[in-house]
């Protein structure tokens, strides 16, 4: 079986190469980032076998320092910072309502009956000039991929869970 990058935050614990941090309330902020080991890369797939919709399945419970769920009108998306760039660029749709993730327990979010509701669809970066949806996004050791959040409330990484489904990642592999 192929190895998969394990991109997650589970109440303060993270996967290898993953960093978590609180967001800057009211501003676009990375809350989870992943950088492959030196000499490697990963692919984030825009489709998995489960479900019928395209997208990356993500299980989430975003909580503040009191353990309360953050507002449902918060926005989440994937972004990448390529080598030589100083900022992240959006590579997915913006999920502007977290109701599904708030109402549904973590296990149910990624089961076959609900997985399509938990998917975030990858998109080409606006500056690429391409249209449609990519089949995958490659993240090299000189790049960084992040889960970005815009919320009026700061999350607490020690209270928060974010899990990118390992079926949606390939690698790390040598580049």
Protein backbone atom coordinates (compact mmCIF):
# COMPACT_ATOMS: atom_id res chain seq x y z
CA UNK A 1 0.00 0.00 0.00
CA UNK A 2 1.32 3.46 -0.91
CA UNK A 3 2.29 5.84 1.84
CA UNK A 4 0.05 8.89 2.33
CA UNK A 5 0.85 12.23 3.90
CA UNK A 6 -1.14 12.54 7.12
CA UNK A 7 -2.24 16.17 7.29
CA UNK A 8 -4.15 16.67 10.52
CA UNK A 9 -4.60 18.60 13.74
CA UNK A 10 -6.23 16.71 16.58
CA UNK A 11 -6.59 18.86 19.69
CA UNK A 12 -2.99 20.05 19.62
CA UNK A 13 -1.42 16.95 18.05
CA UNK A 14 -0.31 17.12 14.40
CA UNK A 15 0.95 14.82 11.69
CA UNK A 16 4.59 14.85 10.53
CA UNK A 17 5.48 18.10 8.75
CA UNK A 18 2.26 19.76 9.94
CA UNK A 19 2.11 23.00 11.93
CA UNK A 20 -0.98 24.42 13.58
CA UNK A 21 -1.61 27.89 14.89
CA UNK A 22 -4.44 30.14 15.97
CA UNK A 23 -5.83 32.47 13.34
CA UNK A 24 -5.74 36.26 13.53
CA UNK A 25 -9.43 36.95 14.24
CA UNK A 26 -11.07 38.97 11.48
CA UNK A 27 -8.23 38.36 9.02
CA UNK A 28 -7.28 35.68 6.51
CA UNK A 29 -4.90 33.36 8.39
CA UNK A 30 -3.34 29.93 8.01
CA UNK A 31 -4.43 27.59 10.79
CA UNK A 32 -2.86 24.38 9.51
CA UNK A 33 0.11 24.09 7.16
CA UNK A 34 2.11 21.23 5.69
CA UNK A 35 5.54 21.22 4.11
CA UNK A 36 6.95 17.96 2.67
CA UNK A 37 10.36 16.73 3.82
CA UNK A 38 13.43 17.80 1.85
CA UNK A 39 13.68 16.07 -1.53
CA UNK A 40 10.03 14.96 -1.54
CA UNK A 41 6.64 16.11 -2.78
CA UNK A 42 3.00 15.14 -2.29
CA UNK A 43 -0.10 15.31 -4.44
CA UNK A 44 -3.44 16.40 -3.06
CA UNK A 45 -6.12 14.67 -5.13
CA UNK A 46 -9.33 16.42 -6.15
CA UNK A 47 -11.28 13.15 -6.10
CA UNK A 48 -11.46 10.03 -3.94
CA UNK A 49 -13.25 6.73 -4.51
CA UNK A 50 -15.90 7.46 -1.87
CA UNK A 51 -18.85 9.63 -2.83
CA UNK A 52 -19.75 11.01 -6.24
CA UNK A 53 -18.55 14.63 -6.06
CA UNK A 54 -15.07 15.95 -6.74
CA UNK A 55 -13.13 17.53 -3.91
CA UNK A 56 -10.86 16.83 -0.97
CA UNK A 57 -12.69 15.31 2.01
CA UNK A 58 -11.95 17.25 5.20
CA UNK A 59 -13.28 16.53 8.68
CA UNK A 60 -13.38 19.60 10.93
CA UNK A 61 -14.43 20.85 14.34
CA UNK A 62 -13.09 24.39 14.71
CA UNK A 63 -13.31 25.53 18.33
CA UNK A 64 -12.31 28.61 20.32
CA UNK A 65 -10.40 28.71 23.63
CA UNK A 66 -13.62 27.96 25.54
CA UNK A 67 -14.27 24.84 23.46
CA UNK A 68 -17.15 26.48 21.57
CA UNK A 69 -17.58 26.04 17.83
CA UNK A 70 -16.60 29.13 15.86
CA UNK A 71 -19.33 31.02 13.93
CA UNK A 72 -20.86 29.10 11.02
CA UNK A 73 -20.35 32.09 8.71
CA UNK A 74 -16.56 31.66 8.91
CA UNK A 75 -14.70 30.86 5.66
CA UNK A 76 -12.26 27.99 5.06
CA UNK A 77 -10.17 27.17 1.97
CA UNK A 78 -6.91 25.60 0.82
CA UNK A 79 -3.99 27.78 -0.28
CA UNK A 80 -0.42 27.20 -1.41
CA UNK A 81 2.73 29.25 -1.07
CA UNK A 82 5.18 28.38 -3.84
CA UNK A 83 8.95 28.79 -3.61
CA UNK A 84 9.89 32.46 -3.82
CA UNK A 85 6.39 33.71 -2.98
CA UNK A 86 5.75 35.72 0.16
CA UNK A 87 2.06 34.91 0.52
CA UNK A 88 -0.44 32.10 0.09
CA UNK A 89 -2.67 31.83 -2.99
CA UNK A 90 -6.10 30.18 -2.89
CA UNK A 91 -6.29 26.80 -4.65
CA UNK A 92 -9.81 25.73 -3.69
CA UNK A 93 -13.34 26.96 -3.43
CA UNK A 94 -14.08 29.11 -0.41
CA UNK A 95 -16.38 27.27 1.98
CA UNK A 96 -18.42 30.10 3.48
CA UNK A 97 -20.71 28.09 5.71
CA UNK A 98 -19.53 25.60 8.30
CA UNK A 99 -22.99 24.30 9.20
CA UNK A 100 -22.38 20.75 7.95
CA UNK A 101 -19.17 20.46 9.96
CA UNK A 102 -20.83 21.91 13.08
CA UNK A 103 -23.90 19.64 12.90
CA UNK A 104 -22.13 16.40 11.98
CA UNK A 105 -19.78 14.40 14.22
CA UNK A 106 -16.24 13.78 12.96
CA UNK A 107 -16.70 10.09 12.11
CA UNK A 108 -19.91 10.73 10.17
CA UNK A 109 -18.32 13.58 8.17
CA UNK A 110 -16.11 11.12 6.27
CA UNK A 111 -18.45 8.12 5.99
CA UNK A 112 -19.74 7.12 2.56
CA UNK A 113 -23.20 8.68 3.05
CA UNK A 114 -21.87 12.11 4.08
CA UNK A 115 -18.43 12.43 2.50
CA UNK A 116 -19.62 14.58 -0.44
CA UNK A 117 -20.83 17.23 2.04
CA UNK A 118 -17.33 17.30 3.57
CA UNK A 119 -15.44 17.89 0.33
CA UNK A 120 -13.61 21.08 -0.59
CA UNK A 121 -13.12 21.38 -4.36
CA UNK A 122 -9.65 22.27 -5.60
CA UNK A 123 -9.42 25.02 -8.22
CA UNK A 124 -6.67 26.47 -10.35
CA UNK A 125 -5.14 29.60 -8.82
CA UNK A 126 -6.65 32.75 -10.32
CA UNK A 127 -3.26 33.89 -11.65
CA UNK A 128 -2.77 30.65 -13.62
CA UNK A 129 -5.25 31.69 -16.31
CA UNK A 130 -6.63 28.12 -16.38
CA UNK A 131 -10.30 27.26 -15.98
CA UNK A 132 -11.98 24.19 -14.57
CA UNK A 133 -10.76 21.99 -11.79
CA UNK A 134 -7.36 20.31 -11.55
CA UNK A 135 -7.17 16.57 -10.86
CA UNK A 136 -4.56 17.26 -8.20
CA UNK A 137 -2.19 19.85 -6.75
CA UNK A 138 1.47 18.95 -6.26
CA UNK A 139 3.22 20.40 -3.22
CA UNK A 140 7.02 20.20 -3.33
CA UNK A 141 9.45 20.41 -0.42
CA UNK A 142 10.04 24.05 -1.34
CA UNK A 143 6.30 24.81 -1.19
CA UNK A 144 3.77 24.92 1.61
CA UNK A 145 0.05 24.09 1.58
CA UNK A 146 -2.32 25.48 4.19
CA UNK A 147 -5.87 25.44 5.45
CA UNK A 148 -6.83 29.10 5.64
CA UNK A 149 -9.53 30.57 7.86
CA UNK A 150 -11.38 33.87 7.98
CA UNK A 151 -13.37 34.15 11.21
CA UNK A 152 -14.27 36.82 13.73
CA UNK A 153 -13.26 34.33 16.44
CA UNK A 154 -9.80 32.92 17.10
CA UNK A 155 -9.53 29.13 17.11
CA UNK A 156 -7.60 27.24 19.74
CA UNK A 157 -5.46 24.50 18.13
CA UNK A 158 -5.65 22.56 21.42
CA UNK A 159 -9.46 22.40 21.03
CA UNK A 160 -9.64 22.02 17.22
CA UNK A 161 -9.71 19.04 14.84
CA UNK A 162 -8.90 19.27 11.12
CA UNK A 163 -8.26 16.05 9.17
CA UNK A 164 -7.54 15.90 5.44
CA UNK A 165 -8.67 12.43 4.33
CA UNK A 166 -5.54 10.36 3.63
CA UNK A 167 -7.29 8.90 0.55
CA UNK A 168 -6.91 12.39 -0.97
CA UNK A 169 -3.12 12.48 -0.60
CA UNK A 170 -0.34 10.64 -2.41
CA UNK A 171 3.23 10.65 -1.23
CA UNK A 172 5.55 11.78 -0.02
CA UNK A 173 7.55 10.64 -3.03
CA UNK A 174 10.99 11.65 -4.32
CA UNK A 175 10.97 14.59 -6.67
